């Protein structure tokens, strides 16, 4: 399971799962899968979530920067 900070930032901004799903044009089930099961979403969903939360994708998915720099095997 990949670690992510989606729930942390969503709650900090006071969004419910439904509100975040509506803002990012994805389903609440997608938000649940990401938060609870560590689902790694598509590039488009990651981008929309980061934009809605006002952070860079690597803040939500810390391992994303590691993967981009080729340090994760």
C-alpha atoms as a PDB file:
ATOM      1  CA  UNK A   1       0.000   0.000   0.000  1.00  0.00           C
ATOM      2  CA  UNK A   2       1.350   3.410  -0.932  1.00  0.00           C
ATOM      3  CA  UNK A   3       1.273   6.008   1.796  1.00  0.00           C
ATOM      4  CA  UNK A   4      -0.574   9.236   1.075  1.00  0.00           C
ATOM      5  CA  UNK A   5      -1.712  12.342   2.912  1.00  0.00           C
ATOM      6  CA  UNK A   6      -5.001  12.918   1.122  1.00  0.00           C
ATOM      7  CA  UNK A   7      -7.210  12.538   4.189  1.00  0.00           C
ATOM      8  CA  UNK A   8      -4.966  14.827   6.242  1.00  0.00           C
ATOM      9  CA  UNK A   9      -5.158  17.696   3.738  1.00  0.00           C
ATOM     10  CA  UNK A  10      -8.840  17.134   2.970  1.00  0.00           C
ATOM     11  CA  UNK A  11      -9.700  17.425   6.661  1.00  0.00           C
ATOM     12  CA  UNK A  12      -7.395  20.425   7.166  1.00  0.00           C
ATOM     13  CA  UNK A  13      -9.391  22.284   4.529  1.00  0.00           C
ATOM     14  CA  UNK A  14     -12.713  21.096   5.933  1.00  0.00           C
ATOM     15  CA  UNK A  15     -13.838  19.143   2.868  1.00  0.00           C
ATOM     16  CA  UNK A  16     -15.999  16.065   3.172  1.00  0.00           C
ATOM     17  CA  UNK A  17     -15.229  13.162   0.862  1.00  0.00           C
ATOM     18  CA  UNK A  18     -18.296  14.086  -1.185  1.00  0.00           C
ATOM     19  CA  UNK A  19     -17.217  17.733  -1.508  1.00  0.00           C
ATOM     20  CA  UNK A  20     -13.726  16.784  -2.628  1.00  0.00           C
ATOM     21  CA  UNK A  21     -15.100  14.266  -5.092  1.00  0.00           C
ATOM     22  CA  UNK A  22     -17.404  16.914  -6.569  1.00  0.00           C
ATOM     23  CA  UNK A  23     -14.588  19.463  -6.826  1.00  0.00           C
ATOM     24  CA  UNK A  24     -12.331  16.980  -8.612  1.00  0.00           C
ATOM     25  CA  UNK A  25     -14.961  15.324 -10.815  1.00  0.00           C
ATOM     26  CA  UNK A  26     -14.364  11.862  -9.436  1.00  0.00           C
ATOM     27  CA  UNK A  27     -16.469   9.574  -7.276  1.00  0.00           C
ATOM     28  CA  UNK A  28     -16.565   9.394  -3.492  1.00  0.00           C
ATOM     29  CA  UNK A  29     -15.567   5.748  -3.878  1.00  0.00           C
ATOM     30  CA  UNK A  30     -12.338   6.903  -5.534  1.00  0.00           C
ATOM     31  CA  UNK A  31     -11.610   9.177  -2.563  1.00  0.00           C
ATOM     32  CA  UNK A  32     -12.322   6.295  -0.173  1.00  0.00           C
ATOM     33  CA  UNK A  33     -10.056   3.927  -2.121  1.00  0.00           C
ATOM     34  CA  UNK A  34      -7.221   6.456  -2.023  1.00  0.00           C
ATOM     35  CA  UNK A  35      -7.610   7.329   1.661  1.00  0.00           C
ATOM     36  CA  UNK A  36      -8.353   3.934   3.146  1.00  0.00           C
ATOM     37  CA  UNK A  37      -6.749   1.482   0.752  1.00  0.00           C
ATOM     38  CA  UNK A  38      -3.827   3.501  -0.545  1.00  0.00           C
ATOM     39  CA  UNK A  39      -5.080   3.357  -4.141  1.00  0.00           C
ATOM     40  CA  UNK A  40      -2.704   5.199  -6.473  1.00  0.00           C
ATOM     41  CA  UNK A  41      -4.890   7.252  -8.840  1.00  0.00           C
ATOM     42  CA  UNK A  42      -4.255   8.200 -12.434  1.00  0.00           C
ATOM     43  CA  UNK A  43      -2.191  11.258 -13.309  1.00  0.00           C
ATOM     44  CA  UNK A  44      -5.329  13.284 -14.036  1.00  0.00           C
ATOM     45  CA  UNK A  45      -7.021  12.460 -10.739  1.00  0.00           C
ATOM     46  CA  UNK A  46      -3.797  13.147  -8.808  1.00  0.00           C
ATOM     47  CA  UNK A  47      -3.484  16.512 -10.505  1.00  0.00           C
ATOM     48  CA  UNK A  48      -7.110  17.495  -9.830  1.00  0.00           C
ATOM     49  CA  UNK A  49      -6.847  16.446  -6.170  1.00  0.00           C
ATOM     50  CA  UNK A  50      -3.641  18.408  -5.644  1.00  0.00           C
ATOM     51  CA  UNK A  51      -5.108  21.479  -7.328  1.00  0.00           C
ATOM     52  CA  UNK A  52      -8.300  21.293  -5.255  1.00  0.00           C
ATOM     53  CA  UNK A  53      -6.224  21.046  -2.072  1.00  0.00           C
ATOM     54  CA  UNK A  54      -3.781  23.759  -3.138  1.00  0.00           C
ATOM     55  CA  UNK A  55      -0.660  21.617  -2.834  1.00  0.00           C
ATOM     56  CA  UNK A  56       1.826  19.875  -5.109  1.00  0.00           C
ATOM     57  CA  UNK A  57       1.118  16.199  -5.815  1.00  0.00           C
ATOM     58  CA  UNK A  58       4.290  15.144  -3.997  1.00  0.00           C
ATOM     59  CA  UNK A  59       2.873  16.618  -0.776  1.00  0.00           C
ATOM     60  CA  UNK A  60      -0.057  14.201  -0.951  1.00  0.00           C
ATOM     61  CA  UNK A  61       2.033  11.316  -2.317  1.00  0.00           C
ATOM     62  CA  UNK A  62       5.526  11.686  -0.780  1.00  0.00           C
ATOM     63  CA  UNK A  63       6.841   8.683  -2.688  1.00  0.00           C
ATOM     64  CA  UNK A  64       5.906  10.366  -5.983  1.00  0.00           C
ATOM     65  CA  UNK A  65       9.052  12.510  -5.860  1.00  0.00           C
ATOM     66  CA  UNK A  66      11.148   9.434  -5.110  1.00  0.00           C
ATOM     67  CA  UNK A  67       9.669   7.605  -8.111  1.00  0.00           C
ATOM     68  CA  UNK A  68      10.191  10.648 -10.356  1.00  0.00           C
ATOM     69  CA  UNK A  69      13.847  10.807  -9.350  1.00  0.00           C
ATOM     70  CA  UNK A  70      14.340   7.082  -9.974  1.00  0.00           C
ATOM     71  CA  UNK A  71      15.161   6.227  -6.388  1.00  0.00           C
ATOM     72  CA  UNK A  72      12.372   3.721  -5.854  1.00  0.00           C
ATOM     73  CA  UNK A  73      12.742   0.228  -7.174  1.00  0.00           C
END
